[in-house]
Amino acid sequence: MKRAVLIGDIHSYQLWVPPWQLLGKRVLGQINLWKNRRHRFKSNRLNPVVDKALTLNADLLLLSGDFSTTALPCEFDQALRLLKPLMDQVSTVLAVPGNHDRYTFSATRRQLARKYLQNAMPAQFPAMIRVSDQWSVLALDSAVPRCISSRGRLGKKQIDAAIRLLDATPDGHNVIVLCHYAIGNPPAFSHMKRNHLLEEQQELVDILGRSSQRLNIIFSHGHVHYPWAWPREEGFFDLNNGSPTMSDPHFPHGQGFWELTFNDINAHETCLTHHVLQGPFEDPHWTEKTFRPIK
């Protein structure tokens, strides 16, 4: 039995930023941080998540992006410092960038996300990484810098390459598709704003739907700050990692993280467990809810 830990949007931030770094879109990001985001996101909520995840002795750590808020080096430093004990323990760490990690054109040109994630981020996208005999991770890069909106994009070249990788995967194989952007939301949720969507949302849904006729697919993502486990009618499982550092009325101590247990003998024994912190950090205790992503 193997075990994976999946963690979503961390959104580390720095309240004070030197004026010479407040260029372009980052000005808007800092205004939003002071007015709204700082009241909901607290980086120290990641500490108990890492402590709990360490007790699981996972083999695989999947990170779905948005380590930073406005792609400042100090934000990446903080996020990676908090994650370091877990990243050091786990044998395989895979990460994709989020739109906030590519928040400015300058950060994108300097490849800050790749610089800080180093070997955890594939050298090129898409990348199909075999993590066991019967399980692979397909990593997609959906984050691009924008002047105003937060729309994601894969691009034709990456989509065509992802199709080839999926087509080359043997029948019955299990694939975790790791991407930052969501591709829709459960019916009980209000629709996402157009300027927050992935440009090729429907195209990717169709691709995964076709592939799920012969593969077991779990689509793991972040971007929308609310965890869900959604068996989609297209045939694949949609897993939103949520944000461990964000509080809301349903998750006052953060939105927790996901644990995936799987083996190479029987995929139907795969379990997803959502770990949610209850109570203050000084006396942490957890609740768990389990799902079966493969029927």
C-alpha atoms as a PDB file:
ATOM      1  CA  MET A   1       0.000   0.000   0.000  1.00  0.00           C
ATOM      2  CA  LYS A   2       1.341   3.418  -0.980  1.00  0.00           C
ATOM      3  CA  ARG A   3       0.281   6.791   0.360  1.00  0.00           C
ATOM      4  CA  ALA A   4       0.183  10.263  -1.175  1.00  0.00           C
ATOM      5  CA  VAL A   5      -0.426  13.651   0.458  1.00  0.00           C
ATOM      6  CA  LEU A   6      -2.082  16.349  -1.665  1.00  0.00           C
ATOM      7  CA  ILE A   7      -1.840  20.009  -0.655  1.00  0.00           C
ATOM      8  CA  GLY A   8      -3.370  22.989  -2.423  1.00  0.00           C
ATOM      9  CA  ASP A   9      -3.145  26.760  -2.328  1.00  0.00           C
ATOM     10  CA  ILE A  10      -0.818  27.978   0.446  1.00  0.00           C
ATOM     11  CA  HIS A  11      -0.687  31.653  -0.592  1.00  0.00           C
ATOM     12  CA  SER A  12       2.179  32.879   1.546  1.00  0.00           C
ATOM     13  CA  TYR A  13       2.363  36.657   1.580  1.00  0.00           C
ATOM     14  CA  GLN A  14       4.318  39.675   2.744  1.00  0.00           C
ATOM     15  CA  LEU A  15       2.294  42.644   3.991  1.00  0.00           C
ATOM     16  CA  TRP A  16       5.109  45.155   3.544  1.00  0.00           C
ATOM     17  CA  VAL A  17       6.682  45.259   0.101  1.00  0.00           C
ATOM     18  CA  PRO A  18       9.408  47.691  -1.010  1.00  0.00           C
ATOM     19  CA  PRO A  19       7.941  50.339  -3.336  1.00  0.00           C
ATOM     20  CA  TRP A  20      10.254  49.331  -6.191  1.00  0.00           C
ATOM     21  CA  GLN A  21       8.653  45.863  -6.197  1.00  0.00           C
ATOM     22  CA  LEU A  22       5.133  47.266  -6.554  1.00  0.00           C
ATOM     23  CA  LEU A  23       5.070  47.171 -10.315  1.00  0.00           C
ATOM     24  CA  GLY A  24       2.233  46.194 -12.627  1.00  0.00           C
ATOM     25  CA  LYS A  25      -0.380  43.793 -11.340  1.00  0.00           C
ATOM     26  CA  ARG A  26       1.370  43.393  -7.980  1.00  0.00           C
ATOM     27  CA  VAL A  27      -0.063  46.766  -6.891  1.00  0.00           C
ATOM     28  CA  LEU A  28      -3.586  45.348  -7.278  1.00  0.00           C
ATOM     29  CA  GLY A  29      -2.557  42.165  -5.501  1.00  0.00           C
ATOM     30  CA  GLN A  30      -1.188  44.037  -2.496  1.00  0.00           C
ATOM     31  CA  ILE A  31      -4.303  46.209  -2.251  1.00  0.00           C
ATOM     32  CA  ASN A  32      -6.464  43.084  -2.250  1.00  0.00           C
ATOM     33  CA  LEU A  33      -4.146  41.500   0.324  1.00  0.00           C
ATOM     34  CA  TRP A  34      -4.541  44.408   2.751  1.00  0.00           C
ATOM     35  CA  LYS A  35      -8.293  44.751   2.236  1.00  0.00           C
ATOM     36  CA  ASN A  36      -9.350  41.093   2.080  1.00  0.00           C
ATOM     37  CA  ARG A  37      -6.924  38.208   1.761  1.00  0.00           C
ATOM     38  CA  ARG A  38      -4.890  38.777   4.943  1.00  0.00           C
ATOM     39  CA  HIS A  39      -8.028  38.338   7.052  1.00  0.00           C
ATOM     40  CA  ARG A  40      -8.690  34.846   5.669  1.00  0.00           C
ATOM     41  CA  PHE A  41      -5.225  33.422   4.958  1.00  0.00           C
ATOM     42  CA  LYS A  42      -2.713  32.699   7.732  1.00  0.00           C
ATOM     43  CA  SER A  43       0.532  30.932   6.856  1.00  0.00           C
ATOM     44  CA  ASN A  44       0.898  29.422  10.340  1.00  0.00           C
ATOM     45  CA  ARG A  45      -2.128  27.219   9.617  1.00  0.00           C
ATOM     46  CA  LEU A  46       0.231  25.167   7.445  1.00  0.00           C
ATOM     47  CA  ASN A  47       2.297  24.068  10.472  1.00  0.00           C
ATOM     48  CA  PRO A  48      -0.232  21.590  11.932  1.00  0.00           C
ATOM     49  CA  VAL A  49      -0.948  20.305   8.412  1.00  0.00           C
ATOM     50  CA  VAL A  50       2.727  19.465   7.906  1.00  0.00           C
ATOM     51  CA  ASP A  51       2.934  17.915  11.397  1.00  0.00           C
ATOM     52  CA  LYS A  52      -0.085  15.708  10.690  1.00  0.00           C
ATOM     53  CA  ALA A  53       1.137  14.741   7.220  1.00  0.00           C
ATOM     54  CA  LEU A  54       4.501  13.698   8.668  1.00  0.00           C
ATOM     55  CA  THR A  55       2.748  11.045  10.764  1.00  0.00           C
ATOM     56  CA  LEU A  56       1.414   9.394   7.595  1.00  0.00           C
ATOM     57  CA  ASN A  57       4.895   8.514   6.254  1.00  0.00           C
ATOM     58  CA  ALA A  58       3.753   9.230   2.706  1.00  0.00           C
ATOM     59  CA  ASP A  59       5.575   8.052  -0.409  1.00  0.00           C
ATOM     60  CA  LEU A  60       4.338  10.880  -2.624  1.00  0.00           C
ATOM     61  CA  LEU A  61       3.626  14.592  -2.129  1.00  0.00           C
ATOM     62  CA  LEU A  62       1.559  16.416  -4.761  1.00  0.00           C
ATOM     63  CA  LEU A  63       1.405  20.226  -4.672  1.00  0.00           C
ATOM     64  CA  SER A  64      -1.123  21.941  -6.938  1.00  0.00           C
ATOM     65  CA  GLY A  65       0.370  25.445  -6.984  1.00  0.00           C
ATOM     66  CA  ASP A  66      -0.159  28.949  -5.610  1.00  0.00           C
ATOM     67  CA  PHE A  67       2.645  28.782  -3.079  1.00  0.00           C
ATOM     68  CA  SER A  68       2.807  32.591  -3.222  1.00  0.00           C
ATOM     69  CA  THR A  69       0.381  35.514  -3.442  1.00  0.00           C
ATOM     70  CA  THR A  70       2.128  37.942  -5.803  1.00  0.00           C
ATOM     71  CA  ALA A  71       5.161  35.831  -6.819  1.00  0.00           C
ATOM     72  CA  LEU A  72       7.648  37.522  -4.511  1.00  0.00           C
ATOM     73  CA  PRO A  73      10.832  35.588  -3.630  1.00  0.00           C
ATOM     74  CA  CYS A  74      10.130  36.024   0.099  1.00  0.00           C
ATOM     75  CA  GLU A  75       6.714  34.377  -0.370  1.00  0.00           C
ATOM     76  CA  PHE A  76       8.249  31.321  -2.024  1.00  0.00           C
ATOM     77  CA  ASP A  77      10.879  31.238   0.725  1.00  0.00           C
ATOM     78  CA  GLN A  78       8.232  31.167   3.430  1.00  0.00           C
ATOM     79  CA  ALA A  79       6.067  28.498   1.781  1.00  0.00           C
ATOM     80  CA  LEU A  80       8.993  26.192   1.064  1.00  0.00           C
ATOM     81  CA  ARG A  81      10.428  26.686   4.548  1.00  0.00           C
ATOM     82  CA  LEU A  82       7.137  25.549   6.074  1.00  0.00           C
ATOM     83  CA  LEU A  83       6.893  22.581   3.702  1.00  0.00           C
ATOM     84  CA  LYS A  84      10.541  21.531   4.053  1.00  0.00           C
ATOM     85  CA  PRO A  85      10.119  18.872   6.794  1.00  0.00           C
ATOM     86  CA  LEU A  86       7.507  17.100   4.679  1.00  0.00           C
ATOM     87  CA  MET A  87       9.394  17.518   1.409  1.00  0.00           C
ATOM     88  CA  ASP A  88      12.525  16.099   3.064  1.00  0.00           C
ATOM     89  CA  GLN A  89      10.651  13.050   4.345  1.00  0.00           C
ATOM     90  CA  VAL A  90       8.730  12.100   1.182  1.00  0.00           C
ATOM     91  CA  SER A  91      10.652  10.244  -1.504  1.00  0.00           C
ATOM     92  CA  THR A  92       8.803  11.779  -4.480  1.00  0.00           C
ATOM     93  CA  VAL A  93       7.576  15.396  -4.581  1.00  0.00           C
ATOM     94  CA  LEU A  94       5.760  16.764  -7.631  1.00  0.00           C
ATOM     95  CA  ALA A  95       4.523  20.329  -8.049  1.00  0.00           C
ATOM     96  CA  VAL A  96       2.855  22.497 -10.668  1.00  0.00           C
ATOM     97  CA  PRO A  97       2.749  26.321 -10.657  1.00  0.00           C
ATOM     98  CA  GLY A  98      -0.374  28.320  -9.863  1.00  0.00           C
ATOM     99  CA  ASN A  99      -1.452  31.606 -11.378  1.00  0.00           C
ATOM    100  CA  HIS A 100      -0.218  33.497  -8.294  1.00  0.00           C
ATOM    101  CA  ASP A 101       3.217  31.909  -8.791  1.00  0.00           C
ATOM    102  CA  ARG A 102       3.228  33.527 -12.241  1.00  0.00           C
ATOM    103  CA  TYR A 103       1.566  36.704 -11.000  1.00  0.00           C
ATOM    104  CA  THR A 104       3.816  39.093 -12.911  1.00  0.00           C
ATOM    105  CA  PHE A 105       5.542  38.877 -16.267  1.00  0.00           C
ATOM    106  CA  SER A 106       8.859  39.521 -14.514  1.00  0.00           C
ATOM    107  CA  ALA A 107       8.426  36.552 -12.148  1.00  0.00           C
ATOM    108  CA  THR A 108       7.526  34.394 -15.142  1.00  0.00           C
ATOM    109  CA  ARG A 109      10.575  35.470 -17.151  1.00  0.00           C
ATOM    110  CA  ARG A 110      12.809  34.801 -14.136  1.00  0.00           C
ATOM    111  CA  GLN A 111      11.165  31.381 -13.668  1.00  0.00           C
ATOM    112  CA  LEU A 112      10.865  31.960  -9.927  1.00  0.00           C
ATOM    113  CA  ALA A 113       8.476  29.064  -9.385  1.00  0.00           C
ATOM    114  CA  ARG A 114      10.888  26.618 -11.020  1.00  0.00           C
ATOM    115  CA  LYS A 115      13.841  28.141  -9.176  1.00  0.00           C
ATOM    116  CA  TYR A 116      12.260  27.541  -5.786  1.00  0.00           C
ATOM    117  CA  LEU A 117      10.562  24.201  -6.529  1.00  0.00           C
ATOM    118  CA  GLN A 118      13.665  22.864  -8.285  1.00  0.00           C
ATOM    119  CA  ASN A 119      13.455  19.088  -8.788  1.00  0.00           C
ATOM    120  CA  ALA A 120       9.834  18.944  -7.634  1.00  0.00           C
ATOM    121  CA  MET A 121       8.696  20.704 -10.806  1.00  0.00           C
ATOM    122  CA  PRO A 122       9.065  18.773 -14.083  1.00  0.00           C
ATOM    123  CA  ALA A 123      11.622  20.125 -16.527  1.00  0.00           C
ATOM    124  CA  GLN A 124       8.893  20.457 -19.152  1.00  0.00           C
ATOM    125  CA  PHE A 125       5.120  20.127 -19.380  1.00  0.00           C
ATOM    126  CA  PRO A 126       3.151  18.009 -19.802  1.00  0.00           C
ATOM    127  CA  ALA A 127       5.024  15.306 -17.939  1.00  0.00           C
ATOM    128  CA  MET A 128       3.885  11.753 -17.237  1.00  0.00           C
ATOM    129  CA  ILE A 129       5.718  10.448 -14.169  1.00  0.00           C
ATOM    130  CA  ARG A 130       5.387   6.798 -13.153  1.00  0.00           C
ATOM    131  CA  VAL A 131       5.068   6.594  -9.360  1.00  0.00           C
ATOM    132  CA  SER A 132       4.368   2.846  -9.084  1.00  0.00           C
ATOM    133  CA  ASP A 133       3.668  -0.113 -11.353  1.00  0.00           C
ATOM    134  CA  GLN A 134       0.040   0.841 -11.901  1.00  0.00           C
ATOM    135  CA  TRP A 135      -0.031   4.565 -11.057  1.00  0.00           C
ATOM    136  CA  SER A 136       1.281   7.654 -12.860  1.00  0.00           C
ATOM    137  CA  VAL A 137       0.988  11.413 -12.432  1.00  0.00           C
ATOM    138  CA  LEU A 138       0.309  13.603 -15.463  1.00  0.00           C
ATOM    139  CA  ALA A 139       1.533  17.112 -14.570  1.00  0.00           C
ATOM    140  CA  LEU A 140       0.051  20.053 -16.505  1.00  0.00           C
ATOM    141  CA  ASP A 141       1.136  23.695 -16.498  1.00  0.00           C
ATOM    142  CA  SER A 142      -1.955  25.909 -16.670  1.00  0.00           C
ATOM    143  CA  ALA A 143      -0.573  29.165 -15.191  1.00  0.00           C
ATOM    144  CA  VAL A 144       0.221  32.215 -17.303  1.00  0.00           C
ATOM    145  CA  PRO A 145       0.760  35.878 -16.333  1.00  0.00           C
ATOM    146  CA  ARG A 146      -2.102  38.268 -17.085  1.00  0.00           C
ATOM    147  CA  CYS A 147      -2.373  42.040 -16.865  1.00  0.00           C
ATOM    148  CA  ILE A 148      -5.711  41.933 -15.052  1.00  0.00           C
ATOM    149  CA  SER A 149      -7.631  38.647 -15.247  1.00  0.00           C
ATOM    150  CA  SER A 150      -6.778  35.297 -13.662  1.00  0.00           C
ATOM    151  CA  ARG A 151      -7.561  33.036 -16.618  1.00  0.00           C
ATOM    152  CA  GLY A 152      -5.423  29.967 -17.147  1.00  0.00           C
ATOM    153  CA  ARG A 153      -4.163  28.471 -20.381  1.00  0.00           C
ATOM    154  CA  LEU A 154      -2.603  25.184 -21.447  1.00  0.00           C
ATOM    155  CA  GLY A 155      -2.016  25.960 -25.111  1.00  0.00           C
ATOM    156  CA  LYS A 156      -2.427  23.682 -28.107  1.00  0.00           C
ATOM    157  CA  LYS A 157       1.079  22.241 -27.935  1.00  0.00           C
ATOM    158  CA  GLN A 158       0.628  21.086 -24.339  1.00  0.00           C
ATOM    159  CA  ILE A 159      -2.872  19.735 -24.984  1.00  0.00           C
ATOM    160  CA  ASP A 160      -1.719  17.733 -28.008  1.00  0.00           C
ATOM    161  CA  ALA A 161       1.208  16.317 -26.019  1.00  0.00           C
ATOM    162  CA  ALA A 162      -1.094  15.406 -23.092  1.00  0.00           C
ATOM    163  CA  ILE A 163      -3.397  13.526 -25.471  1.00  0.00           C
ATOM    164  CA  ARG A 164      -0.445  11.561 -26.818  1.00  0.00           C
ATOM    165  CA  LEU A 165       0.715  10.685 -23.288  1.00  0.00           C
ATOM    166  CA  LEU A 166      -2.745   9.515 -22.254  1.00  0.00           C
ATOM    167  CA  ASP A 167      -3.219   7.536 -25.480  1.00  0.00           C
ATOM    168  CA  ALA A 168       0.109   5.794 -24.869  1.00  0.00           C
ATOM    169  CA  THR A 169      -0.893   4.764 -21.336  1.00  0.00           C
ATOM    170  CA  PRO A 170      -1.905   1.076 -21.045  1.00  0.00           C
ATOM    171  CA  ASP A 171      -5.568   0.225 -20.531  1.00  0.00           C
ATOM    172  CA  GLY A 172      -6.579  -0.058 -16.887  1.00  0.00           C
ATOM    173  CA  HIS A 173      -3.731   2.171 -15.666  1.00  0.00           C
ATOM    174  CA  ASN A 174      -4.415   4.730 -12.938  1.00  0.00           C
ATOM    175  CA  VAL A 175      -3.528   8.377 -13.615  1.00  0.00           C
ATOM    176  CA  ILE A 176      -3.568  11.364 -11.266  1.00  0.00           C
ATOM    177  CA  VAL A 177      -3.770  14.497 -13.405  1.00  0.00           C
ATOM    178  CA  LEU A 178      -2.130  17.314 -11.426  1.00  0.00           C
ATOM    179  CA  CYS A 179      -3.137  20.795 -12.553  1.00  0.00           C
ATOM    180  CA  HIS A 180      -3.659  24.126 -10.819  1.00  0.00           C
ATOM    181  CA  TYR A 181      -6.875  25.206 -12.509  1.00  0.00           C
ATOM    182  CA  ALA A 182     -10.274  23.654 -11.912  1.00  0.00           C
ATOM    183  CA  ILE A 183     -12.339  22.501 -14.907  1.00  0.00           C
ATOM    184  CA  GLY A 184     -15.806  23.135 -13.535  1.00  0.00           C
ATOM    185  CA  ASN A 185     -17.438  22.731 -10.148  1.00  0.00           C
ATOM    186  CA  PRO A 186     -20.031  20.460  -8.520  1.00  0.00           C
ATOM    187  CA  PRO A 187     -23.689  21.389  -9.159  1.00  0.00           C
ATOM    188  CA  ALA A 188     -24.169  22.685  -5.605  1.00  0.00           C
ATOM    189  CA  PHE A 189     -21.540  25.415  -6.196  1.00  0.00           C
ATOM    190  CA  SER A 190     -22.087  28.671  -8.033  1.00  0.00           C
ATOM    191  CA  HIS A 191     -20.264  28.894 -11.354  1.00  0.00           C
ATOM    192  CA  MET A 192     -16.786  30.354 -11.346  1.00  0.00           C
ATOM    193  CA  LYS A 193     -16.252  33.803 -12.766  1.00  0.00           C
ATOM    194  CA  ARG A 194     -15.260  33.805 -16.412  1.00  0.00           C
ATOM    195  CA  ASN A 195     -11.980  35.611 -15.746  1.00  0.00           C
ATOM    196  CA  HIS A 196     -10.927  32.806 -13.343  1.00  0.00           C
ATOM    197  CA  LEU A 197     -11.471  29.910 -15.753  1.00  0.00           C
ATOM    198  CA  LEU A 198      -9.083  27.758 -17.738  1.00  0.00           C
ATOM    199  CA  GLU A 199      -9.386  28.757 -21.402  1.00  0.00           C
ATOM    200  CA  GLU A 200      -9.518  25.133 -22.549  1.00  0.00           C
ATOM    201  CA  GLN A 201     -11.807  23.974 -19.729  1.00  0.00           C
ATOM    202  CA  GLN A 202     -14.325  22.083 -21.864  1.00  0.00           C
ATOM    203  CA  GLU A 203     -11.613  20.666 -24.106  1.00  0.00           C
ATOM    204  CA  LEU A 204      -9.778  19.204 -21.110  1.00  0.00           C
ATOM    205  CA  VAL A 205     -13.042  17.807 -19.697  1.00  0.00           C
ATOM    206  CA  ASP A 206     -13.662  16.064 -23.034  1.00  0.00           C
ATOM    207  CA  ILE A 207     -10.104  14.681 -23.160  1.00  0.00           C
ATOM    208  CA  LEU A 208     -10.281  13.266 -19.646  1.00  0.00           C
ATOM    209  CA  GLY A 209     -13.776  11.943 -20.281  1.00  0.00           C
ATOM    210  CA  ARG A 210     -12.621  10.002 -23.344  1.00  0.00           C
ATOM    211  CA  SER A 211      -9.521   8.705 -21.575  1.00  0.00           C
ATOM    212  CA  SER A 212     -11.553   7.592 -18.556  1.00  0.00           C
ATOM    213  CA  GLN A 213     -13.286   5.000 -20.734  1.00  0.00           C
ATOM    214  CA  ARG A 214     -10.146   2.883 -20.396  1.00  0.00           C
ATOM    215  CA  LEU A 215      -8.138   4.565 -17.594  1.00  0.00           C
ATOM    216  CA  ASN A 216      -8.899   5.380 -13.962  1.00  0.00           C
ATOM    217  CA  ILE A 217      -8.399   9.146 -13.700  1.00  0.00           C
ATOM    218  CA  ILE A 218      -8.296  11.427 -10.669  1.00  0.00           C
ATOM    219  CA  PHE A 219      -8.105  15.112 -11.604  1.00  0.00           C
ATOM    220  CA  SER A 220      -6.349  16.885  -8.701  1.00  0.00           C
ATOM    221  CA  HIS A 221      -6.320  20.680  -8.680  1.00  0.00           C
ATOM    222  CA  GLY A 222      -6.564  23.843  -6.600  1.00  0.00           C
ATOM    223  CA  HIS A 223      -7.389  27.450  -7.571  1.00  0.00           C
ATOM    224  CA  VAL A 224     -10.938  27.368  -6.174  1.00  0.00           C
ATOM    225  CA  HIS A 225     -10.508  27.693  -2.432  1.00  0.00           C
ATOM    226  CA  TYR A 226     -12.852  24.981  -1.256  1.00  0.00           C
ATOM    227  CA  PRO A 227     -12.164  21.235  -1.000  1.00  0.00           C
ATOM    228  CA  TRP A 228     -14.421  18.795  -2.810  1.00  0.00           C
ATOM    229  CA  ALA A 229     -14.471  15.157  -3.956  1.00  0.00           C
ATOM    230  CA  TRP A 230     -16.671  14.937  -7.051  1.00  0.00           C
ATOM    231  CA  PRO A 231     -17.371  11.804  -9.134  1.00  0.00           C
ATOM    232  CA  ARG A 232     -18.097  13.455 -12.483  1.00  0.00           C
ATOM    233  CA  GLU A 233     -20.591  12.141 -14.988  1.00  0.00           C
ATOM    234  CA  GLU A 234     -17.840  12.265 -17.635  1.00  0.00           C
ATOM    235  CA  GLY A 235     -16.265   9.273 -15.886  1.00  0.00           C
ATOM    236  CA  PHE A 236     -13.338  10.702 -13.941  1.00  0.00           C
ATOM    237  CA  PHE A 237     -12.963  11.851 -10.323  1.00  0.00           C
ATOM    238  CA  ASP A 238     -12.527  15.584  -9.616  1.00  0.00           C
ATOM    239  CA  LEU A 239     -10.572  16.398  -6.454  1.00  0.00           C
ATOM    240  CA  ASN A 240     -10.202  19.987  -5.248  1.00  0.00           C
ATOM    241  CA  ASN A 241      -7.339  20.213  -2.765  1.00  0.00           C
ATOM    242  CA  GLY A 242      -8.663  23.386  -1.119  1.00  0.00           C
ATOM    243  CA  SER A 243      -6.392  25.697   0.876  1.00  0.00           C
ATOM    244  CA  PRO A 244      -4.833  24.620   4.194  1.00  0.00           C
ATOM    245  CA  THR A 245      -4.160  28.241   5.179  1.00  0.00           C
ATOM    246  CA  MET A 246      -7.598  29.719   4.458  1.00  0.00           C
ATOM    247  CA  SER A 247     -10.437  29.861   6.950  1.00  0.00           C
ATOM    248  CA  ASP A 248     -14.145  30.118   6.160  1.00  0.00           C
ATOM    249  CA  PRO A 249     -17.329  29.318   8.110  1.00  0.00           C
ATOM    250  CA  HIS A 250     -17.130  25.625   7.212  1.00  0.00           C
ATOM    251  CA  PHE A 251     -13.395  25.340   7.929  1.00  0.00           C
ATOM    252  CA  PRO A 252     -12.495  27.898  10.625  1.00  0.00           C
ATOM    253  CA  HIS A 253      -8.996  26.427  11.138  1.00  0.00           C
ATOM    254  CA  GLY A 254      -8.129  25.963   7.473  1.00  0.00           C
ATOM    255  CA  GLN A 255      -9.342  23.595   4.787  1.00  0.00           C
ATOM    256  CA  GLY A 256      -6.977  20.744   5.609  1.00  0.00           C
ATOM    257  CA  PHE A 257      -5.392  18.358   3.122  1.00  0.00           C
ATOM    258  CA  TRP A 258      -6.052  15.098   1.295  1.00  0.00           C
ATOM    259  CA  GLU A 259      -4.487  11.677   1.764  1.00  0.00           C
ATOM    260  CA  LEU A 260      -4.618   9.122  -1.046  1.00  0.00           C
ATOM    261  CA  THR A 261      -3.876   5.453  -0.321  1.00  0.00           C
ATOM    262  CA  PHE A 262      -3.455   3.075  -3.248  1.00  0.00           C
ATOM    263  CA  ASN A 263      -1.837  -0.181  -4.267  1.00  0.00           C
ATOM    264  CA  ASP A 264      -0.891  -1.976  -7.465  1.00  0.00           C
ATOM    265  CA  ILE A 265      -3.002  -5.064  -6.815  1.00  0.00           C
ATOM    266  CA  ASN A 266      -6.534  -3.704  -6.667  1.00  0.00           C
ATOM    267  CA  ALA A 267      -7.278  -0.122  -7.739  1.00  0.00           C
ATOM    268  CA  HIS A 268     -10.778  -0.411  -6.262  1.00  0.00           C
ATOM    269  CA  GLU A 269      -9.232  -0.343  -2.786  1.00  0.00           C
ATOM    270  CA  THR A 270      -8.060   3.236  -3.398  1.00  0.00           C
ATOM    271  CA  CYS A 271      -9.176   5.630  -0.649  1.00  0.00           C
ATOM    272  CA  LEU A 272      -9.200   9.421  -0.402  1.00  0.00           C
ATOM    273  CA  THR A 273      -9.283  10.864   3.094  1.00  0.00           C
ATOM    274  CA  HIS A 274      -9.844  14.526   3.855  1.00  0.00           C
ATOM    275  CA  HIS A 275      -8.048  15.595   7.045  1.00  0.00           C
ATOM    276  CA  VAL A 276      -9.462  18.742   8.662  1.00  0.00           C
ATOM    277  CA  LEU A 277      -8.044  20.458  11.739  1.00  0.00           C
ATOM    278  CA  GLN A 278     -10.479  21.012  14.595  1.00  0.00           C
ATOM    279  CA  GLY A 279      -9.733  23.199  17.594  1.00  0.00           C
ATOM    280  CA  PRO A 280      -6.823  25.561  18.290  1.00  0.00           C
ATOM    281  CA  PHE A 281      -3.254  24.872  17.198  1.00  0.00           C
ATOM    282  CA  GLU A 282      -2.226  24.479  20.836  1.00  0.00           C
ATOM    283  CA  ASP A 283      -4.486  21.411  21.189  1.00  0.00           C
ATOM    284  CA  PRO A 284      -4.921  20.102  17.637  1.00  0.00           C
ATOM    285  CA  HIS A 285      -7.238  17.259  16.793  1.00  0.00           C
ATOM    286  CA  TRP A 286      -8.426  16.133  13.389  1.00  0.00           C
ATOM    287  CA  THR A 287     -11.534  14.815  11.707  1.00  0.00           C
ATOM    288  CA  GLU A 288     -11.404  12.593   8.652  1.00  0.00           C
ATOM    289  CA  LYS A 289     -13.860  11.842   5.867  1.00  0.00           C
ATOM    290  CA  THR A 290     -13.141   9.085   3.360  1.00  0.00           C
ATOM    291  CA  PHE A 291     -14.171   8.678  -0.302  1.00  0.00           C
ATOM    292  CA  ARG A 292     -13.706   5.914  -2.885  1.00  0.00           C
ATOM    293  CA  PRO A 293     -12.566   7.618  -6.111  1.00  0.00           C
ATOM    294  CA  ILE A 294     -12.444   4.389  -8.127  1.00  0.00           C
ATOM    295  CA  LYS A 295     -15.585   2.231  -8.347  1.00  0.00           C
END
